[in-house]
Protein backbone atom coordinates (compact mmCIF):
# COMPACT_ATOMS: atom_id res chain seq x y z
CA UNK A 1 120.72 31.20 94.66
CA UNK A 2 117.29 29.58 95.27
CA UNK A 3 117.32 30.36 99.00
CA UNK A 4 118.35 34.00 98.29
CA UNK A 5 115.41 34.34 95.82
CA UNK A 6 112.91 32.82 98.27
CA UNK A 7 114.29 35.07 100.97
CA UNK A 8 113.88 38.06 98.78
CA UNK A 9 110.29 37.17 97.88
CA UNK A 10 109.48 36.63 101.43
CA UNK A 11 110.90 39.98 102.33
CA UNK A 12 108.81 41.59 99.60
CA UNK A 13 105.64 39.76 100.78
CA UNK A 14 105.98 40.62 104.47
CA UNK A 15 104.33 44.05 104.22
CA UNK A 16 101.37 42.57 102.38
CA UNK A 17 100.89 39.84 104.95
CA UNK A 18 101.14 42.45 107.69
CA UNK A 19 98.37 44.45 106.10
CA UNK A 20 96.27 41.34 105.47
CA UNK A 21 96.83 40.03 109.09
CA UNK A 22 93.90 41.91 110.71
CA UNK A 23 91.51 40.72 107.96
CA UNK A 24 92.78 37.12 108.24
CA UNK A 25 92.42 37.14 112.04
CA UNK A 26 88.88 38.37 111.64
CA UNK A 27 88.15 35.86 108.93
CA UNK A 28 89.36 32.93 111.08
CA UNK A 29 88.29 34.08 114.49
CA UNK A 30 85.02 35.74 113.62
CA UNK A 31 83.79 33.63 110.60
CA UNK A 32 85.45 30.28 110.02
CA UNK A 33 85.73 29.20 113.63
CA UNK A 34 82.24 30.17 114.65
CA UNK A 35 80.81 28.50 111.55
CA UNK A 36 82.63 25.24 112.40
CA UNK A 37 81.42 25.49 116.00
CA UNK A 38 77.85 26.31 114.94
CA UNK A 39 77.86 23.22 112.63
CA UNK A 40 79.05 21.02 115.57
CA UNK A 41 76.48 22.53 117.93
CA UNK A 42 73.74 21.88 115.59
CA UNK A 43 74.19 18.17 116.23
CA UNK A 44 74.22 18.61 120.07
CA UNK A 45 71.91 19.55 122.98
CA UNK A 46 73.56 22.72 124.07
CA UNK A 47 72.10 25.37 126.32
CA UNK A 48 75.09 27.51 127.29
CA UNK A 49 74.60 26.49 130.81
CA UNK A 50 75.87 22.92 130.33
CA UNK A 51 78.45 21.25 128.10
CA UNK A 52 77.09 20.17 124.66
CA UNK A 53 75.75 16.67 124.38
CA UNK A 54 75.92 14.91 120.97
CA UNK A 55 72.41 14.04 119.68
CA UNK A 56 73.04 13.53 116.03
CA UNK A 57 70.17 14.64 113.76
CA UNK A 58 67.74 15.14 116.67
CA UNK A 59 67.62 18.92 116.20
CA UNK A 60 66.86 18.67 112.49
CA UNK A 61 64.29 15.99 112.99
CA UNK A 62 62.60 18.09 115.63
CA UNK A 63 61.84 20.84 113.02
CA UNK A 64 59.36 18.51 111.33
CA UNK A 65 57.19 18.48 114.43
CA UNK A 66 57.71 22.12 115.51
CA UNK A 67 54.59 24.02 114.51
CA UNK A 68 56.11 27.47 115.18
CA UNK A 69 59.18 26.61 113.12
CA UNK A 70 57.02 25.74 110.19
CA UNK A 71 54.83 28.82 110.72
CA UNK A 72 57.94 31.01 110.72
CA UNK A 73 58.88 29.48 107.33
CA UNK A 74 55.42 30.45 105.92
CA UNK A 75 55.69 33.89 107.33
CA UNK A 76 59.28 34.45 105.96
CA UNK A 77 58.49 32.98 102.48
CA UNK A 78 55.40 35.27 102.31
CA UNK A 79 57.43 38.33 103.25
CA UNK A 80 60.16 37.46 100.77
CA UNK A 81 57.78 36.73 97.83
CA UNK A 82 55.89 40.01 98.41
CA UNK A 83 58.57 42.51 99.36
CA UNK A 84 61.32 41.66 97.01
CA UNK A 85 59.31 41.99 93.77
CA UNK A 86 57.52 45.07 94.95
CA UNK A 87 60.87 46.67 96.02
CA UNK A 88 62.58 45.98 92.70
CA UNK A 89 59.67 47.16 90.62
CA UNK A 90 59.32 50.47 92.62
CA UNK A 91 63.26 50.88 92.49
CA UNK A 92 63.26 50.37 88.73
CA UNK A 93 60.38 52.80 88.22
CA UNK A 94 62.13 55.54 90.19
CA UNK A 95 65.31 54.88 88.49
CA UNK A 96 63.63 55.16 85.00
CA UNK A 97 62.11 58.54 86.09
CA UNK A 98 65.46 59.86 87.37
CA UNK A 99 67.12 58.88 84.05
CA UNK A 100 64.96 61.14 82.12
CA UNK A 101 67.48 64.10 82.43
CA UNK A 102 65.95 65.66 85.47
CA UNK A 103 67.80 68.42 87.25
CA UNK A 104 69.57 67.79 90.54
CA UNK A 105 69.69 64.06 89.95
CA UNK A 106 72.41 63.65 92.48
CA UNK A 107 70.28 65.29 95.13
CA UNK A 108 67.25 63.00 94.44
CA UNK A 109 69.50 59.99 94.29
CA UNK A 110 70.96 60.80 97.66
CA UNK A 111 67.51 61.38 99.15
CA UNK A 112 66.10 58.18 97.86
CA UNK A 113 69.15 56.23 99.03
CA UNK A 114 68.80 57.47 102.70
CA UNK A 115 65.98 54.95 103.53
CA UNK A 116 68.24 52.03 102.60
CA UNK A 117 70.84 53.33 105.17
CA UNK A 118 68.20 53.76 107.83
CA UNK A 119 65.62 51.24 107.03
CA UNK A 120 67.15 48.46 109.16
CA UNK A 121 67.75 50.63 112.07
CA UNK A 122 65.91 50.37 115.55
CA UNK A 123 64.93 54.06 115.29
CA UNK A 124 63.05 53.63 112.01
CA UNK A 125 61.35 50.47 113.18
CA UNK A 126 60.08 52.34 116.23
CA UNK A 127 58.92 55.25 114.02
CA UNK A 128 57.19 52.64 111.72
CA UNK A 129 55.39 51.24 114.76
CA UNK A 130 54.23 54.72 115.69
CA UNK A 131 53.07 55.55 112.13
CA UNK A 132 50.98 52.33 111.82
CA UNK A 133 49.78 52.07 115.40
CA UNK A 134 46.05 52.35 116.32
CA UNK A 135 46.45 56.13 117.01
CA UNK A 136 49.35 56.54 114.52
CA UNK A 137 49.81 58.84 111.60
CA UNK A 138 48.13 56.72 109.06
CA UNK A 139 44.83 56.43 111.04
CA UNK A 140 44.93 60.16 111.85
CA UNK A 141 45.10 60.88 108.10
CA UNK A 142 42.36 58.47 107.44
CA UNK A 143 40.23 60.05 110.19
CA UNK A 144 40.49 63.49 108.38
CA UNK A 145 38.38 61.89 105.46
CA UNK A 146 35.96 60.14 107.81
CA UNK A 147 37.56 56.70 107.69
CA UNK A 148 38.27 54.60 110.79
CA UNK A 149 41.53 52.73 110.09
CA UNK A 150 42.40 49.41 111.80
CA UNK A 151 45.36 48.86 114.11
CA UNK A 152 47.69 48.04 111.34
CA UNK A 153 50.38 46.54 113.58
CA UNK A 154 48.02 44.97 116.15
CA UNK A 155 45.90 43.17 113.62
CA UNK A 156 47.24 39.77 112.37
CA UNK A 157 45.63 40.38 109.00
CA UNK A 158 47.72 43.49 108.34
CA UNK A 159 50.84 43.46 110.57
CA UNK A 160 53.02 41.50 108.04
CA UNK A 161 52.06 43.97 105.26
CA UNK A 162 53.42 46.93 107.31
CA UNK A 163 56.74 45.10 107.38
CA UNK A 164 56.52 44.55 103.56
CA UNK A 165 55.85 48.23 103.04
CA UNK A 166 58.90 49.02 105.24
CA UNK A 167 60.95 46.85 103.05
CA UNK A 168 59.67 48.43 99.94
CA UNK A 169 60.49 51.87 101.43
CA UNK A 170 64.13 50.78 101.44
CA UNK A 171 64.36 50.82 97.62
CA UNK A 172 67.31 53.18 97.50
CA UNK A 173 70.21 50.71 97.08
CA UNK A 174 68.76 48.75 94.12
CA UNK A 175 67.42 52.06 92.65
CA UNK A 176 71.00 53.53 92.57
CA UNK A 177 72.24 50.35 90.90
CA UNK A 178 69.35 50.33 88.35
CA UNK A 179 70.09 54.02 87.53
CA UNK A 180 73.84 53.14 86.92
CA UNK A 181 72.79 50.42 84.62
CA UNK A 182 70.37 52.59 82.71
CA UNK A 183 73.16 55.06 82.14
CA UNK A 184 75.21 52.31 80.42
CA UNK A 185 72.52 51.55 77.81
CA UNK A 186 73.64 52.99 74.39
CA UNK A 187 71.44 55.96 73.40
CA UNK A 188 71.78 55.16 69.72
CA UNK A 189 70.09 51.79 70.15
CA UNK A 190 67.02 53.48 71.76
CA UNK A 191 67.00 56.17 69.13
CA UNK A 192 67.16 53.64 66.35
CA UNK A 193 64.21 51.80 67.74
CA UNK A 194 62.30 55.14 68.03
CA UNK A 195 62.96 55.93 64.46
CA UNK A 196 61.61 52.55 63.52
CA UNK A 197 58.35 53.43 65.21
CA UNK A 198 58.72 51.70 68.53
CA UNK A 199 56.81 53.37 71.41
CA UNK A 200 58.07 53.99 74.93
CA UNK A 201 56.58 50.77 76.39
CA UNK A 202 57.96 48.66 73.50
CA UNK A 203 61.31 50.22 73.76
CA UNK A 204 61.36 49.62 77.54
CA UNK A 205 60.22 45.90 77.43
CA UNK A 206 62.12 44.87 74.30
CA UNK A 207 65.36 46.98 74.59
CA UNK A 208 65.83 48.52 77.99
CA UNK A 209 64.77 45.62 80.17
CA UNK A 210 66.81 43.00 78.25
CA UNK A 211 69.87 45.14 78.30
CA UNK A 212 69.28 45.76 82.04
CA UNK A 213 68.62 42.02 82.82
CA UNK A 214 72.11 41.53 84.41
CA UNK A 215 71.44 44.39 86.84
CA UNK A 216 67.96 43.09 87.52
CA UNK A 217 69.45 39.58 88.29
CA UNK A 218 72.15 41.17 90.57
CA UNK A 219 69.57 43.16 92.60
CA UNK A 220 67.18 40.12 92.69
CA UNK A 221 69.87 37.93 94.32
CA UNK A 222 70.95 40.53 96.79
CA UNK A 223 67.49 41.50 97.79
CA UNK A 224 66.30 37.87 98.32
CA UNK A 225 69.26 37.22 100.58
CA UNK A 226 68.65 40.39 102.59
CA UNK A 227 64.93 39.69 102.91
CA UNK A 228 65.59 36.23 104.34
CA UNK A 229 67.91 37.82 106.82
CA UNK A 230 65.43 40.49 107.95
CA UNK A 231 65.21 40.63 111.74
CA UNK A 232 65.21 44.17 113.32
CA UNK A 233 61.77 45.41 111.97
CA UNK A 234 59.91 42.29 113.15
CA UNK A 235 61.72 42.25 116.54
CA UNK A 236 61.06 45.87 117.29
CA UNK A 237 57.48 46.22 115.89
CA UNK A 238 56.29 42.99 117.56
CA UNK A 239 58.31 43.58 120.80
CA UNK A 240 60.37 40.44 120.15
CA UNK A 241 57.33 38.11 120.35
CA UNK A 242 56.48 37.84 116.53
CA UNK A 243 52.95 38.83 117.43
CA UNK A 244 50.18 39.38 117.03
CA UNK A 245 49.36 35.65 116.80
CA UNK A 246 52.86 34.96 115.24
CA UNK A 247 51.79 36.97 112.22
CA UNK A 248 55.41 38.58 112.15
CA UNK A 249 57.28 35.57 113.32
CA UNK A 250 60.23 35.82 110.93
CA UNK A 251 62.53 32.73 110.75
CA UNK A 252 65.45 34.89 112.15
CA UNK A 253 63.18 36.03 114.98
CA UNK A 254 62.25 32.55 115.97
CA UNK A 255 65.89 31.52 115.75
CA UNK A 256 66.71 34.41 118.13
CA UNK A 257 63.91 33.32 120.60
CA UNK A 258 65.27 29.84 120.66
CA UNK A 259 68.96 30.91 121.14
CA UNK A 260 68.69 33.74 123.55
CA UNK A 261 65.22 33.26 124.96
CA UNK A 262 65.15 29.51 125.61
CA UNK A 263 68.89 29.01 125.42
CA UNK A 264 68.52 26.20 122.98
CA UNK A 265 71.74 26.91 121.19
CA UNK A 266 71.93 23.45 119.56
CA UNK A 267 68.42 23.84 118.07
CA UNK A 268 69.23 27.48 117.05
CA UNK A 269 72.43 26.46 115.32
CA UNK A 270 70.55 23.81 113.37
CA UNK A 271 68.04 26.46 112.32
CA UNK A 272 70.84 28.73 111.22
CA UNK A 273 72.25 26.06 108.89
CA UNK A 274 68.83 25.29 107.46
CA UNK A 275 68.47 29.03 106.64
CA UNK A 276 71.89 29.00 104.94
CA UNK A 277 70.68 25.95 102.84
CA UNK A 278 67.44 27.77 101.96
CA UNK A 279 69.25 30.93 100.89
CA UNK A 280 71.75 28.85 99.01
CA UNK A 281 68.89 26.95 97.28
CA UNK A 282 67.26 30.09 96.19
CA UNK A 283 70.47 31.63 94.91
CA UNK A 284 71.35 28.46 92.94
CA UNK A 285 67.74 28.42 91.46
CA UNK A 286 68.15 32.03 90.41
CA UNK A 287 71.52 31.31 88.67
CA UNK A 288 70.01 28.27 86.95
CA UNK A 289 66.94 30.24 85.65
CA UNK A 290 69.02 33.21 84.75
CA UNK A 291 70.20 31.47 81.65
CA UNK A 292 66.74 31.84 80.23
CA UNK A 293 66.25 35.56 80.75
CA UNK A 294 69.55 37.19 81.63
CA UNK A 295 71.43 38.57 78.55
CA UNK A 296 75.06 39.48 78.67
CA UNK A 297 77.08 41.40 76.11
CA UNK A 298 79.13 38.30 75.21
CA UNK A 299 75.87 36.38 74.52
CA UNK A 300 74.60 39.04 72.08
CA UNK A 301 77.92 39.10 70.28
CA UNK A 302 77.96 35.43 69.90
CA UNK A 303 74.45 35.48 68.47
């Protein structure tokens, strides 16, 4: 009886396992195994051209004396701290405007979402380099009004800000999520506040924003993770060097240089795990602080 039952359950489960097999093979072969190997290589001296040699924590200790590694951290943190808030504020502002009952909202939503699909592509990065080059579109427009613009990309003072602007331009994905969240806010709550004399700003900051805080938190976590992983714009715009003067040397770009430029795979693997820890730390900090400013429906009902 038991064996027959087990045999029947196994027969019923076989189609499910068959459909799951490609995903399981990909999970093991393309994710879990490379992660384990990467962790092992991070403790070795490995150059792809010779077998790995165990070195313990040498790669991690080397980071403390690597000036370019530390500079890449500064550049990346600056990029994240500037681009993520600006992107979310801009996305929320556009979502609020689109939520005012405009006609053809679906069209505008699709148009604004396109940069999120194309923003990480090589073609857009090349276009961005042309727009902000010394003879690019921006300086041509400034020249029409008698202004002589700098080489936005070739100057260490402004090159990073062009990448920040490119990141902000990709506001479409969080905007769509914000718009969906705004559609879920009960209209009667806003109408009651308006009857009580609350103005638009007061309704937004005291009703809309608190009710939207779970969506803000969701977008914040996703955008921080994405900003730390940014690579293509810096690689294309700087030609893979991180220049000028390492002003666009993102962490991921320096990792790429060490892995595929110097073939220091052990050191690059250690950098990858440090990046994982940094992202995990930021995510954990966001979850810890979310208790103070994120309000869920269950919290409001319990109060």
